[in-house]
Protein backbone atom coordinates (compact mmCIF):
# COMPACT_ATOMS: atom_id res chain seq x y z
CA GLN A 1 94.25 87.11 99.14
CA SER A 2 96.87 87.18 101.85
CA THR A 3 96.12 88.74 105.21
CA ASN A 4 99.83 89.25 105.97
CA GLY A 5 100.78 92.58 107.49
CA VAL A 6 103.48 95.09 106.76
CA ALA A 7 107.01 93.93 107.55
CA TRP A 8 108.60 97.35 107.00
CA VAL A 9 108.09 100.67 105.22
CA ASP A 10 110.64 101.59 102.54
CA GLU A 11 109.52 105.13 101.82
CA PHE A 12 106.73 107.60 102.48
CA HIS A 13 106.25 110.99 100.76
CA ILE A 14 103.74 113.83 100.95
CA TYR A 15 103.44 116.54 98.26
CA ASP A 16 101.50 119.78 98.03
CA ARG A 17 99.21 120.55 95.10
CA TRP A 18 102.11 121.95 93.08
CA GLY A 19 104.17 118.79 93.50
CA ASN A 20 106.56 120.16 96.12
CA GLU A 21 107.58 117.54 98.65
CA VAL A 22 106.57 118.65 102.15
CA PHE A 23 107.48 115.42 103.96
CA SER A 24 109.57 112.36 103.22
CA PHE A 25 110.71 109.29 105.03
CA THR A 26 113.12 106.95 103.26
CA ASN A 27 114.78 104.90 105.98
CA PRO A 28 113.27 101.40 106.07
CA THR A 29 111.73 100.67 109.45
CA GLU A 30 109.54 98.11 111.14
CA LEU A 31 108.15 100.80 113.43
CA MET A 32 105.35 102.30 111.36
CA GLN A 33 104.27 104.36 114.37
CA SER A 34 107.54 106.31 114.05
CA ILE A 35 106.53 107.56 110.60
CA CYS A 36 104.46 110.63 111.31
CA TRP A 37 103.86 113.92 109.53
CA ASP A 38 102.86 116.67 111.93
CA GLY A 39 101.47 119.00 109.26
CA ASN A 40 104.57 121.18 109.20
CA PHE A 41 107.07 122.02 106.49
CA ASN A 42 110.27 123.95 107.25
CA GLU A 43 109.10 124.33 110.86
CA ARG A 44 105.87 126.09 109.80
CA GLN A 45 102.33 124.79 109.56
CA VAL A 46 101.26 124.00 106.01
CA GLU A 47 98.21 125.72 104.58
CA THR A 48 94.76 124.17 104.68
CA GLY A 49 94.33 122.06 101.57
CA VAL A 50 94.72 118.70 99.90
CA TYR A 51 98.08 116.90 99.96
CA VAL A 52 99.04 113.78 98.03
CA TYR A 53 100.87 110.86 99.63
CA TYR A 54 102.79 107.87 98.28
CA PHE A 55 104.28 105.01 100.23
CA ARG A 56 106.04 101.75 99.49
CA ALA A 57 106.16 98.91 101.99
CA ARG A 58 107.21 95.27 102.11
CA LEU A 59 104.63 92.78 103.37
CA THR A 60 105.48 89.92 105.71
CA ASP A 61 105.01 87.46 102.83
CA GLY A 62 107.63 89.34 100.77
CA ARG A 63 105.28 91.14 98.40
CA LEU A 64 105.77 94.86 97.68
CA LEU A 65 102.88 97.21 98.47
CA CYS A 66 102.68 100.65 96.82
CA LYS A 67 99.84 103.01 97.70
CA ASN A 68 98.96 106.61 96.99
CA GLY A 69 96.09 108.89 97.82
CA ASP A 70 95.33 112.23 99.38
CA VAL A 71 94.84 113.76 102.79
CA THR A 72 93.12 117.04 103.60
CA VAL A 73 94.62 119.39 106.16
CA ILE A 74 91.99 121.48 107.98
CA ARG A 75 93.03 124.14 110.46
């Protein structure tokens, strides 16, 4: 198993429980710190609840990494 890191992020999406996209980032970047969701959608705080994420990144060894999961927003 390679221990290579992420070279850049291709895309990152967050969806609410109904499948509506509340955040997306689709400009490839090496600066993963610049990809940040502040918990807002249309300049308003999202409701407390579970949100699903998906991201695709390229590793330094050239492999593609796709991950998904969930995050819980608590206010």
